[in-house]
Protein backbone atom coordinates (compact mmCIF):
# COMPACT_ATOMS: atom_id res chain seq x y z
CA MET A 1 -27.46 -14.33 -2.63
CA THR A 2 -23.75 -14.96 -2.14
CA THR A 3 -21.81 -13.16 0.58
CA SER A 4 -18.12 -12.35 0.26
CA PRO A 5 -15.91 -13.87 2.95
CA PRO A 6 -14.71 -11.40 5.59
CA ILE A 7 -11.46 -9.52 5.10
CA ARG A 8 -8.86 -11.28 7.25
CA ILE A 9 -6.56 -8.95 9.20
CA VAL A 10 -3.37 -9.30 11.26
CA LEU A 11 -2.42 -6.56 13.72
CA ALA A 12 1.29 -5.94 14.35
CA ASP A 13 2.17 -3.42 17.07
CA ASP A 14 4.36 -3.66 20.16
CA GLU A 15 1.78 -1.85 22.29
CA ARG A 16 -0.95 -4.17 23.56
CA MET A 17 -3.32 -1.23 24.10
CA VAL A 18 -3.01 -0.18 20.46
CA ARG A 19 -3.71 -3.72 19.26
CA SER A 20 -6.72 -3.98 21.57
CA ALA A 21 -8.14 -0.70 20.29
CA LEU A 22 -7.66 -1.72 16.66
CA ARG A 23 -9.21 -5.13 17.30
CA ALA A 24 -12.26 -3.57 18.96
CA ILE A 25 -12.86 -1.21 16.04
CA LEU A 26 -12.34 -3.77 13.30
CA SER A 27 -14.15 -6.68 14.95
CA ALA A 28 -17.30 -4.57 15.22
CA GLU A 29 -17.63 -4.71 11.42
CA PRO A 30 -19.35 -7.82 9.97
CA ASP A 31 -17.07 -7.92 6.91
CA LEU A 32 -13.79 -7.68 8.87
CA GLU A 33 -12.10 -10.39 10.93
CA VAL A 34 -8.94 -10.05 13.03
CA VAL A 35 -7.19 -13.42 12.70
CA GLY A 36 -3.91 -12.73 14.49
CA GLU A 37 -1.73 -10.33 16.44
CA ALA A 38 2.01 -9.74 16.77
CA ALA A 39 4.09 -7.68 19.19
CA THR A 40 7.38 -7.73 17.24
CA GLY A 41 8.42 -7.58 13.61
CA ALA A 42 9.70 -11.16 13.69
CA GLU A 43 6.45 -12.36 15.22
CA ALA A 44 4.51 -10.47 12.55
CA VAL A 45 6.31 -12.38 9.80
CA SER A 46 5.56 -15.69 11.53
CA VAL A 47 1.90 -14.91 12.21
CA VAL A 48 1.29 -13.70 8.66
CA ARG A 49 2.87 -16.84 7.19
CA GLU A 50 0.66 -18.99 9.41
CA ARG A 51 -2.64 -17.10 9.20
CA ARG A 52 -2.43 -15.82 5.58
CA PRO A 53 -4.45 -12.62 6.09
CA ASP A 54 -5.70 -10.29 3.38
CA VAL A 55 -4.45 -7.15 5.16
CA VAL A 56 -1.74 -6.46 7.74
CA LEU A 57 -1.77 -3.31 9.87
CA MET A 58 1.95 -2.90 10.60
CA ASP A 59 3.58 -0.61 13.13
CA VAL A 60 6.86 0.78 11.75
CA ARG A 61 8.95 0.70 14.91
CA MET A 62 8.93 -2.63 16.72
CA PRO A 63 11.46 -4.81 18.57
CA GLU A 64 13.64 -7.50 16.93
CA ILE A 65 13.03 -6.33 13.38
CA ASP A 66 11.14 -3.19 12.45
CA GLY A 67 8.07 -2.94 10.28
CA ILE A 68 10.12 -2.15 7.18
CA ARG A 69 12.14 -5.37 7.37
CA ALA A 70 9.03 -7.32 8.32
CA THR A 71 7.25 -5.95 5.26
CA GLU A 72 10.15 -6.93 3.02
CA GLN A 73 10.29 -10.46 4.42
CA ILE A 74 6.54 -11.01 4.09
CA LEU A 75 6.40 -9.81 0.51
CA ALA A 76 9.52 -11.72 -0.47
CA THR A 77 8.42 -15.09 0.90
CA LEU A 78 4.70 -15.33 0.15
CA ASP A 79 3.40 -15.93 -3.37
CA GLU A 80 0.01 -14.47 -2.43
CA ALA A 81 1.16 -11.76 -0.07
CA PRO A 82 -1.29 -9.63 1.93
CA ARG A 83 -1.70 -5.91 1.50
CA ILE A 84 0.35 -4.20 4.18
CA VAL A 85 -0.70 -0.86 5.63
CA VAL A 86 1.76 0.97 7.86
CA VAL A 87 0.25 2.45 11.02
CA THR A 88 2.30 5.38 12.26
CA THR A 89 2.32 8.39 14.55
CA PHE A 90 3.97 10.81 12.11
CA GLU A 91 2.96 10.90 8.44
CA ASN A 92 6.22 12.51 7.24
CA ASP A 93 8.41 9.96 9.01
CA SER A 94 11.22 8.64 6.80
CA TYR A 95 10.46 5.19 8.20
CA VAL A 96 7.03 5.37 6.58
CA TYR A 97 8.55 6.29 3.24
CA ASP A 98 11.00 3.41 3.49
CA ALA A 99 8.09 1.06 4.27
CA LEU A 100 6.24 2.26 1.16
CA ARG A 101 9.38 1.69 -0.91
CA ALA A 102 9.61 -1.79 0.61
CA GLY A 103 6.13 -2.60 -0.66
CA ALA A 104 3.58 -1.35 1.86
CA ALA A 105 0.34 -0.44 0.11
CA GLY A 106 -0.17 2.74 2.12
CA PHE A 107 -0.17 4.19 5.59
CA LEU A 108 -2.55 5.29 8.33
CA LEU A 109 -2.05 7.64 11.25
CA LYS A 110 -2.62 6.16 14.69
CA ARG A 111 -4.88 9.10 15.47
CA ALA A 112 -7.15 8.30 12.51
CA GLU A 113 -10.87 8.10 13.20
CA ALA A 114 -12.43 4.65 13.44
CA ASP A 115 -14.36 5.12 10.19
CA ALA A 116 -11.16 6.06 8.34
CA LEU A 117 -9.45 2.92 9.64
CA VAL A 118 -12.29 0.65 8.56
CA GLN A 119 -12.59 2.23 5.11
CA ALA A 120 -8.81 2.04 4.59
CA VAL A 121 -8.81 -1.69 5.26
CA ARG A 122 -11.67 -2.23 2.83
CA LEU A 123 -10.04 0.00 0.23
CA VAL A 124 -6.65 -1.71 0.13
CA SER A 125 -8.22 -5.16 0.23
CA ARG A 126 -10.83 -4.96 -2.49
CA THR A 127 -10.21 -2.01 -4.79
CA ASP A 128 -7.55 -0.83 -7.21
CA THR A 129 -7.18 2.73 -5.99
CA LEU A 130 -4.37 4.38 -4.04
CA LEU A 131 -4.83 4.77 -0.28
CA PHE A 132 -4.83 8.50 0.62
CA PRO A 133 -3.17 9.59 -2.65
CA SER A 134 -2.47 13.19 -1.59
CA ALA A 135 -0.60 11.98 1.51
CA VAL A 136 1.42 9.49 -0.54
CA ARG A 137 2.27 12.17 -3.12
CA SER A 138 3.36 14.58 -0.39
CA LEU A 139 5.52 11.95 1.29
CA ALA A 140 7.06 10.88 -2.01
CA ALA A 141 7.86 14.44 -3.02
CA GLU A 142 9.47 15.16 0.36
CA HIS A 143 11.55 12.00 0.76
CA ALA A 144 12.23 10.90 -2.81
CA ARG A 145 15.86 9.95 -3.40
CA ALA A 146 16.24 11.35 -6.87
CA TYR A 147 18.21 9.47 -9.53
CA PRO A 148 21.10 11.41 -11.14
CA ALA A 149 19.42 10.60 -14.46
CA PRO A 150 16.01 9.14 -15.35
CA PRO A 151 16.03 5.33 -15.11
CA PRO A 152 15.60 3.39 -18.39
CA TRP A 153 11.95 2.55 -17.73
CA VAL A 154 10.92 6.18 -18.24
CA ALA A 155 11.83 6.04 -21.94
CA ARG A 156 10.15 2.64 -22.32
CA LEU A 157 6.71 3.90 -21.29
CA THR A 158 4.34 4.60 -24.15
CA GLY A 159 2.37 7.83 -24.19
CA ARG A 160 -0.75 6.06 -22.96
CA GLU A 161 1.18 4.30 -20.19
CA SER A 162 2.67 7.61 -19.07
CA GLU A 163 -0.82 9.10 -18.91
CA VAL A 164 -2.07 6.14 -16.89
CA LEU A 165 0.80 6.46 -14.41
CA ARG A 166 0.01 10.14 -13.83
CA LEU A 167 -3.66 9.33 -13.26
CA MET A 168 -2.71 6.48 -10.92
CA ALA A 169 -0.72 9.01 -8.89
CA GLN A 170 -3.86 11.13 -8.57
CA GLY A 171 -5.58 8.17 -6.91
CA LEU A 172 -7.95 7.30 -9.74
CA THR A 173 -9.29 3.76 -9.98
CA ASN A 174 -9.13 1.78 -13.21
CA ALA A 175 -12.78 2.63 -13.89
CA GLU A 176 -12.14 6.35 -13.35
CA ILE A 177 -9.05 6.24 -15.58
CA ALA A 178 -11.09 4.50 -18.28
CA ARG A 179 -13.70 7.27 -18.19
CA ARG A 180 -11.04 10.00 -18.21
CA MET A 181 -9.18 8.46 -21.16
CA GLU A 182 -12.38 7.31 -22.90
CA VAL A 183 -11.19 3.73 -23.26
CA GLY A 184 -12.38 0.37 -21.97
CA ALA A 185 -11.63 -0.95 -18.50
CA ALA A 186 -9.72 -3.90 -19.98
CA THR A 187 -7.46 -1.49 -21.85
CA VAL A 188 -6.67 0.41 -18.65
CA LYS A 189 -5.98 -2.83 -16.80
CA SER A 190 -3.52 -3.77 -19.53
CA HIS A 191 -1.81 -0.37 -19.32
CA VAL A 192 -1.54 -0.60 -15.52
CA ALA A 193 0.03 -4.05 -15.80
CA ALA A 194 2.53 -2.68 -18.32
CA VAL A 195 3.39 0.25 -16.04
CA LEU A 196 4.03 -2.06 -13.09
CA ALA A 197 6.15 -4.38 -15.23
CA LYS A 198 8.25 -1.60 -16.76
CA THR A 199 8.80 0.22 -13.45
CA GLY A 200 9.57 -3.07 -11.70
CA THR A 201 6.98 -2.39 -9.01
CA ARG A 202 4.39 -4.63 -7.38
CA ASP A 203 1.50 -2.19 -6.96
CA ARG A 204 0.23 1.33 -7.52
CA THR A 205 1.86 2.80 -4.43
CA GLN A 206 5.33 1.60 -5.41
CA ALA A 207 4.77 2.79 -8.98
CA VAL A 208 3.95 6.30 -7.74
CA ILE A 209 7.02 6.29 -5.48
CA ALA A 210 9.16 5.20 -8.46
CA ALA A 211 7.64 7.96 -10.61
CA TYR A 212 8.57 10.67 -8.11
CA GLU A 213 12.08 9.31 -7.59
CA ALA A 214 12.65 9.27 -11.33
CA GLY A 215 11.52 12.87 -11.70
CA PHE A 216 8.73 11.57 -13.94
CA MET A 217 5.99 13.54 -12.20
CA ASN A 218 7.79 16.82 -12.91
CA ALA A 219 8.48 16.07 -16.56
CA ARG A 220 6.18 16.77 -19.45
């Protein structure tokens, strides 16, 4: 029986107490391993480049460079970039929205229960679903910077691709989308890849953000 390697995690927060609490929760799980810590945004970039984690829990507001810039630098300089989850105090913070636009895979509240934290790390690391889709939709709807006209990619989506994007925004996995659309999983995977390519986004979260900004979610 083969065992999957543990999910490697880097913690980036300027408060030592927060990092200690996160480490204690995550290290108690046999499939999770904290491989590094950072107290500033610049240090986070350095530690991630060195340790190559699977997931980064990133505070938004840190010294030197904030979590948004750190996220951008990490994703821009690593071919196999980790999944970055923003850890924040306020879920409607514009900083969080900017981090999602920069490429963060999702966000967590600092007051989240330990079980929610653990499951979020597992979810973003090893599945193809959206982390807390209702929260992402709410944040996108509130902070979206609407285009004066729909961007060209909207017209380039096929009918099936449009349907897939709407289901992605609901938080459905590829398997769930396949069942809903009554098609094969490979077909859905192909549609998702086409959606990401046409919207110019790197993952599901960014695609949903792009859809709201384009007014796509309100159009029929």
